[in-house]
Amino acid sequence: MSYHVNNAIKAGATRKELMEVGYITTLMYGSQALMEMNSLVDAINAFLPE
């Protein structure tokens, strides 16, 4: 997860865009994707500090 988040940030993705991807993925794939939201948020916080 962190690899993909880091590359997305390098390509210009914002925190809002990354979270939107997580929400849409959760809507599409349900609980399997929801379980990965913590990993997504942790990776975003690691590479995009406040």
N, C-alpha and C. Protein backbone atom coordinates (compact mmCIF):
# COMPACT_ATOMS: atom_id res chain seq x y z
N MET A 1 0.83 -1.18 0.00
CA MET A 1 0.00 0.00 0.00
C MET A 1 0.88 1.25 0.00
N SER A 2 1.89 1.27 0.85
CA SER A 2 2.72 2.47 0.96
C SER A 2 3.45 2.78 -0.35
N TYR A 3 3.84 1.75 -1.07
CA TYR A 3 4.51 1.96 -2.36
C TYR A 3 3.60 2.72 -3.31
N HIS A 4 2.36 2.28 -3.42
CA HIS A 4 1.42 2.91 -4.35
C HIS A 4 1.03 4.31 -3.89
N VAL A 5 0.86 4.50 -2.60
CA VAL A 5 0.53 5.83 -2.08
C VAL A 5 1.69 6.79 -2.33
N ASN A 6 2.89 6.34 -2.06
CA ASN A 6 4.07 7.18 -2.28
C ASN A 6 4.18 7.60 -3.74
N ASN A 7 3.99 6.66 -4.65
CA ASN A 7 4.07 7.00 -6.07
C ASN A 7 2.94 7.93 -6.50
N ALA A 8 1.76 7.75 -5.94
CA ALA A 8 0.64 8.64 -6.26
C ALA A 8 0.93 10.06 -5.79
N ILE A 9 1.52 10.18 -4.61
CA ILE A 9 1.87 11.50 -4.08
C ILE A 9 2.95 12.15 -4.95
N LYS A 10 3.93 11.36 -5.37
CA LYS A 10 4.97 11.89 -6.26
C LYS A 10 4.38 12.36 -7.58
N ALA A 11 3.29 11.72 -8.00
CA ALA A 11 2.63 12.11 -9.25
C ALA A 11 1.68 13.29 -9.07
N GLY A 12 1.51 13.74 -7.81
CA GLY A 12 0.72 14.93 -7.57
C GLY A 12 -0.62 14.71 -6.88
N ALA A 13 -0.89 13.52 -6.41
CA ALA A 13 -2.16 13.24 -5.74
C ALA A 13 -2.21 13.96 -4.39
N THR A 14 -3.38 14.45 -4.05
CA THR A 14 -3.58 15.12 -2.77
C THR A 14 -4.17 14.13 -1.76
N ARG A 15 -4.16 14.54 -0.49
CA ARG A 15 -4.75 13.72 0.57
C ARG A 15 -6.23 13.44 0.27
N LYS A 16 -6.94 14.47 -0.18
CA LYS A 16 -8.36 14.34 -0.49
C LYS A 16 -8.59 13.33 -1.61
N GLU A 17 -7.78 13.37 -2.64
CA GLU A 17 -7.91 12.44 -3.76
C GLU A 17 -7.62 11.00 -3.33
N LEU A 18 -6.61 10.82 -2.52
CA LEU A 18 -6.27 9.48 -2.05
C LEU A 18 -7.37 8.90 -1.18
N MET A 19 -7.94 9.71 -0.31
CA MET A 19 -9.04 9.23 0.54
C MET A 19 -10.28 8.92 -0.31
N GLU A 20 -10.52 9.72 -1.33
CA GLU A 20 -11.65 9.45 -2.22
C GLU A 20 -11.50 8.10 -2.90
N VAL A 21 -10.29 7.78 -3.32
CA VAL A 21 -10.04 6.47 -3.91
C VAL A 21 -10.36 5.36 -2.92
N GLY A 22 -9.96 5.56 -1.67
CA GLY A 22 -10.26 4.56 -0.64
C GLY A 22 -11.75 4.39 -0.43
N TYR A 23 -12.50 5.50 -0.42
CA TYR A 23 -13.95 5.42 -0.23
C TYR A 23 -14.62 4.72 -1.41
N ILE A 24 -14.21 5.06 -2.60
CA ILE A 24 -14.81 4.44 -3.79
C ILE A 24 -14.50 2.95 -3.83
N THR A 25 -13.27 2.60 -3.49
CA THR A 25 -12.89 1.18 -3.46
C THR A 25 -13.72 0.42 -2.43
N THR A 26 -13.97 1.06 -1.28
CA THR A 26 -14.79 0.43 -0.26
C THR A 26 -16.22 0.24 -0.75
N LEU A 27 -16.75 1.22 -1.45
CA LEU A 27 -18.10 1.08 -2.01
C LEU A 27 -18.17 -0.06 -3.02
N MET A 28 -17.10 -0.22 -3.80
CA MET A 28 -17.10 -1.24 -4.84
C MET A 28 -16.86 -2.64 -4.28
N TYR A 29 -15.94 -2.77 -3.30
CA TYR A 29 -15.49 -4.09 -2.86
C TYR A 29 -15.88 -4.44 -1.43
N GLY A 30 -16.51 -3.52 -0.73
CA GLY A 30 -17.05 -3.82 0.59
C GLY A 30 -16.00 -4.01 1.66
N SER A 31 -16.28 -4.99 2.54
CA SER A 31 -15.48 -5.15 3.76
C SER A 31 -14.02 -5.50 3.48
N GLN A 32 -13.74 -6.16 2.37
CA GLN A 32 -12.34 -6.47 2.05
C GLN A 32 -11.54 -5.19 1.88
N ALA A 33 -12.11 -4.22 1.18
CA ALA A 33 -11.42 -2.96 0.98
C ALA A 33 -11.43 -2.12 2.24
N LEU A 34 -12.51 -2.19 3.00
CA LEU A 34 -12.61 -1.42 4.24
C LEU A 34 -11.50 -1.81 5.21
N MET A 35 -11.12 -3.07 5.21
CA MET A 35 -10.05 -3.53 6.10
C MET A 35 -8.71 -2.89 5.74
N GLU A 36 -8.54 -2.44 4.52
CA GLU A 36 -7.28 -1.83 4.08
C GLU A 36 -7.25 -0.32 4.28
N MET A 37 -8.37 0.27 4.71
CA MET A 37 -8.39 1.73 4.90
C MET A 37 -7.39 2.19 5.95
N ASN A 38 -7.18 1.41 7.00
CA ASN A 38 -6.17 1.79 8.01
C ASN A 38 -4.78 1.87 7.38
N SER A 39 -4.47 0.91 6.53
CA SER A 39 -3.18 0.93 5.84
C SER A 39 -3.06 2.14 4.94
N LEU A 40 -4.16 2.48 4.27
CA LEU A 40 -4.17 3.65 3.39
C LEU A 40 -3.93 4.92 4.19
N VAL A 41 -4.64 5.09 5.28
CA VAL A 41 -4.50 6.30 6.11
C VAL A 41 -3.09 6.37 6.70
N ASP A 42 -2.56 5.26 7.16
CA ASP A 42 -1.20 5.25 7.71
C ASP A 42 -0.17 5.65 6.65
N ALA A 43 -0.33 5.14 5.43
CA ALA A 43 0.60 5.47 4.35
C ALA A 43 0.47 6.94 3.97
N ILE A 44 -0.74 7.45 3.91
CA ILE A 44 -0.93 8.87 3.59
C ILE A 44 -0.26 9.73 4.65
N ASN A 45 -0.47 9.40 5.91
CA ASN A 45 0.13 10.19 6.99
C ASN A 45 1.65 10.10 6.99
N ALA A 46 2.18 8.97 6.56
CA ALA A 46 3.64 8.81 6.52
C ALA A 46 4.27 9.67 5.43
N PHE A 47 3.60 9.77 4.28
CA PHE A 47 4.20 10.46 3.14
C PHE A 47 3.68 11.87 2.94
N LEU A 48 2.56 12.21 3.57
CA LEU A 48 2.01 13.56 3.47
C LEU A 48 1.71 14.08 4.87
N PRO A 49 2.72 14.50 5.59
CA PRO A 49 2.45 15.01 6.94
C PRO A 49 1.57 16.24 6.87
N GLU A 50 0.83 16.47 7.91
CA GLU A 50 -0.12 17.59 7.98
C GLU A 50 0.52 18.87 7.61
